[in-house]
Amino acid sequence: MNEELDNHIAKLRSKEKISQQELAEAIGVSRKTISTVETMRFVPSVIIALKLARHFNVRVEDIFTLNDDAENNAKLE
C-alpha cells in the first residue's frame, strides 16, 4: 500500500488567483514552505494543513489525499 500524500494547493491558489507568496503571508509561513508542500517535497504539519483549509474554506481532506484513497474506496463498494 502506497501512502504518499497528494495535494491540490496549486489548483486552489489558481482558483483564488493568488501567488505562493500571498498564500504564505495569509497563513503565516514562508513562500518556501508553500512551495515545498505544494510540490510534495515536504509533508506539512497538522497546523499548516488546518491553516490552509481555513484559508481556502474547505476541509483538510479537500486539499490533501493519500494516493491509495481510490484503491481503498473501491474496496468499500
N, C-alpha and C. Protein backbone atom coordinates (compact mmCIF):
# COMPACT_ATOMS: atom_id res chain seq x y z
N MET A 1 0.85 -1.18 0.00
CA MET A 1 0.00 0.00 0.00
C MET A 1 0.89 1.24 0.00
N ASN A 2 0.70 2.10 -0.97
CA ASN A 2 1.48 3.33 -1.11
C ASN A 2 0.69 4.47 -0.48
N GLU A 3 1.25 5.05 0.58
CA GLU A 3 0.53 6.11 1.29
C GLU A 3 1.15 7.48 1.08
N GLU A 4 1.63 7.73 -0.11
CA GLU A 4 2.19 9.04 -0.39
C GLU A 4 1.07 10.07 -0.47
N LEU A 5 1.39 11.27 -0.03
CA LEU A 5 0.41 12.35 0.04
C LEU A 5 0.34 13.09 -1.29
N ASP A 6 -0.86 13.46 -1.67
CA ASP A 6 -1.08 14.31 -2.84
C ASP A 6 -1.84 15.54 -2.35
N ASN A 7 -1.73 16.65 -3.09
CA ASN A 7 -2.44 17.85 -2.66
C ASN A 7 -2.95 18.66 -3.85
N HIS A 8 -3.85 19.57 -3.53
CA HIS A 8 -4.50 20.40 -4.55
C HIS A 8 -4.25 21.89 -4.28
N ILE A 9 -3.14 22.20 -3.67
CA ILE A 9 -2.86 23.59 -3.30
C ILE A 9 -2.74 24.48 -4.54
N ALA A 10 -2.01 24.02 -5.54
CA ALA A 10 -1.83 24.84 -6.75
C ALA A 10 -3.17 25.15 -7.41
N LYS A 11 -4.06 24.16 -7.46
CA LYS A 11 -5.39 24.37 -8.06
C LYS A 11 -6.19 25.38 -7.25
N LEU A 12 -6.13 25.25 -5.93
CA LEU A 12 -6.86 26.19 -5.08
C LEU A 12 -6.29 27.60 -5.20
N ARG A 13 -4.97 27.71 -5.27
CA ARG A 13 -4.35 29.04 -5.44
C ARG A 13 -4.76 29.64 -6.76
N SER A 14 -4.74 28.82 -7.81
CA SER A 14 -5.09 29.29 -9.14
C SER A 14 -6.54 29.79 -9.17
N LYS A 15 -7.42 29.03 -8.54
CA LYS A 15 -8.83 29.41 -8.49
C LYS A 15 -9.00 30.75 -7.78
N GLU A 16 -8.21 30.97 -6.75
CA GLU A 16 -8.28 32.21 -5.97
C GLU A 16 -7.40 33.32 -6.57
N LYS A 17 -6.59 32.94 -7.57
CA LYS A 17 -5.68 33.87 -8.25
C LYS A 17 -4.72 34.55 -7.27
N ILE A 18 -4.06 33.70 -6.45
CA ILE A 18 -3.06 34.21 -5.52
C ILE A 18 -1.73 33.47 -5.74
N SER A 19 -0.66 34.14 -5.45
CA SER A 19 0.68 33.57 -5.59
C SER A 19 1.04 32.74 -4.35
N GLN A 20 2.12 32.00 -4.46
CA GLN A 20 2.63 31.29 -3.29
C GLN A 20 2.96 32.27 -2.18
N GLN A 21 3.54 33.40 -2.54
CA GLN A 21 3.90 34.41 -1.54
C GLN A 21 2.66 34.94 -0.83
N GLU A 22 1.62 35.24 -1.58
CA GLU A 22 0.39 35.75 -0.98
C GLU A 22 -0.24 34.72 -0.04
N LEU A 23 -0.24 33.46 -0.45
CA LEU A 23 -0.77 32.41 0.41
C LEU A 23 0.07 32.26 1.67
N ALA A 24 1.38 32.29 1.49
CA ALA A 24 2.29 32.17 2.64
C ALA A 24 2.03 33.27 3.66
N GLU A 25 1.91 34.49 3.18
CA GLU A 25 1.64 35.62 4.07
C GLU A 25 0.29 35.48 4.76
N ALA A 26 -0.69 34.96 4.05
CA ALA A 26 -2.04 34.82 4.60
C ALA A 26 -2.10 33.81 5.75
N ILE A 27 -1.26 32.77 5.68
CA ILE A 27 -1.32 31.75 6.74
C ILE A 27 -0.12 31.80 7.68
N GLY A 28 0.80 32.73 7.45
CA GLY A 28 1.91 32.94 8.37
C GLY A 28 3.07 31.97 8.25
N VAL A 29 3.37 31.58 7.01
CA VAL A 29 4.55 30.73 6.76
C VAL A 29 5.37 31.36 5.65
N SER A 30 6.50 30.75 5.32
CA SER A 30 7.34 31.27 4.24
C SER A 30 6.84 30.80 2.88
N ARG A 31 7.22 31.52 1.84
CA ARG A 31 6.88 31.09 0.48
C ARG A 31 7.52 29.74 0.19
N LYS A 32 8.72 29.52 0.73
CA LYS A 32 9.40 28.24 0.52
C LYS A 32 8.60 27.09 1.13
N THR A 33 7.96 27.33 2.26
CA THR A 33 7.12 26.28 2.86
C THR A 33 5.98 25.92 1.93
N ILE A 34 5.31 26.93 1.39
CA ILE A 34 4.21 26.67 0.45
C ILE A 34 4.74 25.90 -0.76
N SER A 35 5.87 26.33 -1.29
CA SER A 35 6.45 25.67 -2.46
C SER A 35 6.77 24.21 -2.20
N THR A 36 7.41 23.93 -1.07
CA THR A 36 7.82 22.54 -0.79
C THR A 36 6.63 21.65 -0.47
N VAL A 37 5.59 22.20 0.15
CA VAL A 37 4.38 21.41 0.39
C VAL A 37 3.66 21.17 -0.93
N GLU A 38 3.53 22.21 -1.72
CA GLU A 38 2.81 22.13 -2.99
C GLU A 38 3.46 21.11 -3.94
N THR A 39 4.78 21.05 -3.94
CA THR A 39 5.50 20.13 -4.83
C THR A 39 5.77 18.78 -4.17
N MET A 40 5.20 18.58 -2.99
CA MET A 40 5.27 17.32 -2.26
C MET A 40 6.67 16.92 -1.83
N ARG A 41 7.55 17.90 -1.62
CA ARG A 41 8.87 17.62 -1.08
C ARG A 41 8.86 17.68 0.43
N PHE A 42 7.76 18.18 1.01
CA PHE A 42 7.64 18.33 2.45
C PHE A 42 6.20 18.05 2.85
N VAL A 43 6.03 17.21 3.87
CA VAL A 43 4.70 16.93 4.40
C VAL A 43 4.41 17.96 5.49
N PRO A 44 3.33 18.70 5.35
CA PRO A 44 3.07 19.78 6.29
C PRO A 44 2.62 19.27 7.66
N SER A 45 2.81 20.11 8.65
CA SER A 45 2.29 19.81 9.98
C SER A 45 0.77 19.91 9.94
N VAL A 46 0.15 19.38 10.96
CA VAL A 46 -1.30 19.49 11.08
C VAL A 46 -1.70 20.96 11.16
N ILE A 47 -0.90 21.76 11.84
CA ILE A 47 -1.22 23.18 11.97
C ILE A 47 -1.25 23.86 10.61
N ILE A 48 -0.24 23.59 9.78
CA ILE A 48 -0.21 24.19 8.44
C ILE A 48 -1.39 23.68 7.61
N ALA A 49 -1.67 22.40 7.68
CA ALA A 49 -2.79 21.83 6.93
C ALA A 49 -4.11 22.49 7.34
N LEU A 50 -4.30 22.69 8.64
CA LEU A 50 -5.52 23.33 9.12
C LEU A 50 -5.60 24.79 8.71
N LYS A 51 -4.46 25.48 8.73
CA LYS A 51 -4.44 26.88 8.28
C LYS A 51 -4.78 26.99 6.80
N LEU A 52 -4.26 26.06 6.00
CA LEU A 52 -4.58 26.06 4.57
C LEU A 52 -6.08 25.82 4.37
N ALA A 53 -6.62 24.84 5.08
CA ALA A 53 -8.04 24.53 4.96
C ALA A 53 -8.89 25.73 5.37
N ARG A 54 -8.50 26.39 6.45
CA ARG A 54 -9.25 27.57 6.91
C ARG A 54 -9.17 28.68 5.86
N HIS A 55 -7.98 28.88 5.31
CA HIS A 55 -7.81 29.94 4.31
C HIS A 55 -8.71 29.71 3.09
N PHE A 56 -8.70 28.48 2.58
CA PHE A 56 -9.48 28.17 1.38
C PHE A 56 -10.95 27.83 1.69
N ASN A 57 -11.28 27.79 2.99
CA ASN A 57 -12.63 27.47 3.42
C ASN A 57 -13.10 26.11 2.90
N VAL A 58 -12.21 25.12 3.05
CA VAL A 58 -12.50 23.74 2.66
C VAL A 58 -12.03 22.81 3.78
N ARG A 59 -12.36 21.55 3.66
CA ARG A 59 -11.87 20.55 4.61
C ARG A 59 -10.42 20.19 4.27
N VAL A 60 -9.67 19.76 5.25
CA VAL A 60 -8.30 19.31 5.02
C VAL A 60 -8.28 18.21 3.95
N GLU A 61 -9.28 17.34 3.99
CA GLU A 61 -9.37 16.24 3.03
C GLU A 61 -9.62 16.72 1.61
N ASP A 62 -10.09 17.96 1.46
CA ASP A 62 -10.28 18.53 0.13
C ASP A 62 -8.96 19.04 -0.45
N ILE A 63 -7.97 19.22 0.43
CA ILE A 63 -6.65 19.68 -0.01
C ILE A 63 -5.69 18.51 -0.14
N PHE A 64 -5.69 17.65 0.87
CA PHE A 64 -4.72 16.55 0.93
C PHE A 64 -5.42 15.21 0.83
N THR A 65 -4.84 14.32 0.02
CA THR A 65 -5.35 12.96 -0.09
C THR A 65 -4.19 11.99 -0.13
N LEU A 66 -4.45 10.77 0.31
CA LEU A 66 -3.46 9.72 0.17
C LEU A 66 -3.62 9.12 -1.22
N ASN A 67 -2.51 8.80 -1.86
CA ASN A 67 -2.57 8.26 -3.21
C ASN A 67 -3.32 6.94 -3.28
N ASP A 68 -3.45 6.24 -2.17
CA ASP A 68 -4.17 4.97 -2.18
C ASP A 68 -5.65 5.11 -1.88
N ASP A 69 -6.19 6.33 -1.78
CA ASP A 69 -7.59 6.53 -1.44
C ASP A 69 -8.53 5.90 -2.47
N ALA A 70 -8.23 6.02 -3.74
CA ALA A 70 -9.08 5.45 -4.78
C ALA A 70 -9.17 3.94 -4.62
N GLU A 71 -8.04 3.32 -4.32
CA GLU A 71 -8.00 1.88 -4.13
C GLU A 71 -8.84 1.48 -2.91
N ASN A 72 -8.70 2.22 -1.81
CA ASN A 72 -9.47 1.93 -0.61
C ASN A 72 -10.95 2.14 -0.82
N ASN A 73 -11.34 3.18 -1.54
CA ASN A 73 -12.74 3.45 -1.81
C ASN A 73 -13.35 2.35 -2.66
N ALA A 74 -12.59 1.82 -3.61
CA ALA A 74 -13.09 0.73 -4.46
C ALA A 74 -13.34 -0.52 -3.62
N LYS A 75 -12.51 -0.76 -2.61
CA LYS A 75 -12.69 -1.93 -1.76
C LYS A 75 -13.96 -1.82 -0.92
N LEU A 76 -14.38 -0.59 -0.61
CA LEU A 76 -15.56 -0.39 0.22
C LEU A 76 -16.86 -0.57 -0.56
N GLU A 77 -16.80 -0.48 -1.87
CA GLU A 77 -18.03 -0.56 -2.68
C GLU A 77 -18.46 -1.99 -2.89
